[in-house]
Protein backbone atom coordinates (compact mmCIF):
# COMPACT_ATOMS: atom_id res chain seq x y z
CA MET A 1 111.13 83.88 114.82
CA ALA A 2 112.90 84.87 111.64
CA TYR A 3 113.18 82.87 108.62
CA ALA A 4 114.36 83.25 104.98
CA ASN A 5 112.38 82.53 101.88
CA ALA A 6 113.95 81.98 98.48
CA THR A 7 111.69 82.85 95.58
CA ARG A 8 112.60 82.11 91.94
CA THR A 9 111.86 84.68 89.36
CA GLY A 10 111.17 82.25 86.54
CA GLU A 11 114.46 82.86 84.72
CA TRP A 12 116.98 80.07 85.40
CA GLY A 13 120.18 78.84 84.12
CA ILE A 14 120.70 79.17 80.47
CA PHE A 15 117.55 81.34 79.91
CA ALA A 16 119.04 84.07 82.17
CA SER A 17 122.44 83.85 80.35
CA LEU A 18 120.72 84.13 76.95
CA ASN A 19 118.59 87.05 78.16
CA GLY A 20 121.69 88.85 79.45
CA LEU A 21 123.57 88.22 76.13
CA VAL A 22 120.59 89.58 74.17
CA ALA A 23 120.50 92.63 76.38
CA ARG A 24 124.26 93.25 76.04
CA LEU A 25 124.08 92.88 72.14
CA GLY A 26 121.21 95.26 72.00
CA GLU A 27 123.13 97.77 74.01
CA THR A 28 126.19 97.43 71.92
CA ARG A 29 124.20 97.73 68.67
CA ARG A 30 122.61 100.92 70.05
CA ARG A 31 125.93 102.51 71.06
CA TYR A 32 127.46 101.64 67.67
CA SER A 33 124.49 103.28 66.09
CA VAL A 34 125.12 106.50 67.96
CA TYR A 35 128.79 106.29 66.98
CA ARG A 36 128.05 105.92 63.30
CA GLN A 37 125.37 108.71 63.33
CA THR A 38 127.70 111.12 65.05
CA VAL A 39 130.61 110.42 62.57
CA ALA A 40 128.24 110.77 59.66
CA GLU A 41 126.82 114.11 60.85
CA LEU A 42 130.20 115.56 61.73
CA ASN A 43 131.67 114.40 58.38
CA ALA A 44 128.75 116.19 56.56
CA LEU A 45 129.89 119.51 57.96
CA ASN A 46 132.36 121.61 55.88
CA ASP A 47 135.67 122.59 57.37
CA ARG A 48 134.32 126.18 58.14
CA ASP A 49 131.43 124.80 60.15
CA LEU A 50 133.72 122.40 62.15
CA ALA A 51 136.08 125.32 62.80
CA ASP A 52 133.12 127.35 64.20
CA LEU A 53 132.46 124.45 66.51
CA GLY A 54 136.02 124.18 67.48
CA ILE A 55 136.42 120.74 66.03
CA ALA A 56 139.28 119.41 63.97
CA ARG A 57 138.37 116.97 61.23
CA SER A 58 141.04 114.56 62.73
CA SER A 59 139.15 114.45 66.01
CA ILE A 60 135.80 113.36 64.63
CA THR A 61 136.31 109.72 65.61
CA SER A 62 137.34 110.49 69.16
CA ILE A 63 134.34 112.78 69.69
CA ALA A 64 131.98 110.08 68.26
CA THR A 65 133.70 107.39 70.53
CA GLU A 66 133.14 109.62 73.52
CA ALA A 67 129.55 110.33 72.55
CA ALA A 68 128.72 106.66 72.16
CA TYR A 69 130.80 104.87 74.82
CA GLY A 70 131.71 107.69 77.27
CA LYS A 71 135.26 108.35 78.35
């Protein structure tokens, strides 16, 4: 004989929603931190160093966006 059993995990309703919101905010903050750090480090390089890396100064923000958020 087969039967189903439903077990609650202890998170219900609004608490699960709040935990999800806090997790998403933390992830957003972490990604933005990666973005800011990437922009700061690339802006600190001089034009010759950027040219050696094959990076135009105008593409720094798009590189940082890709590093933090993916494509």
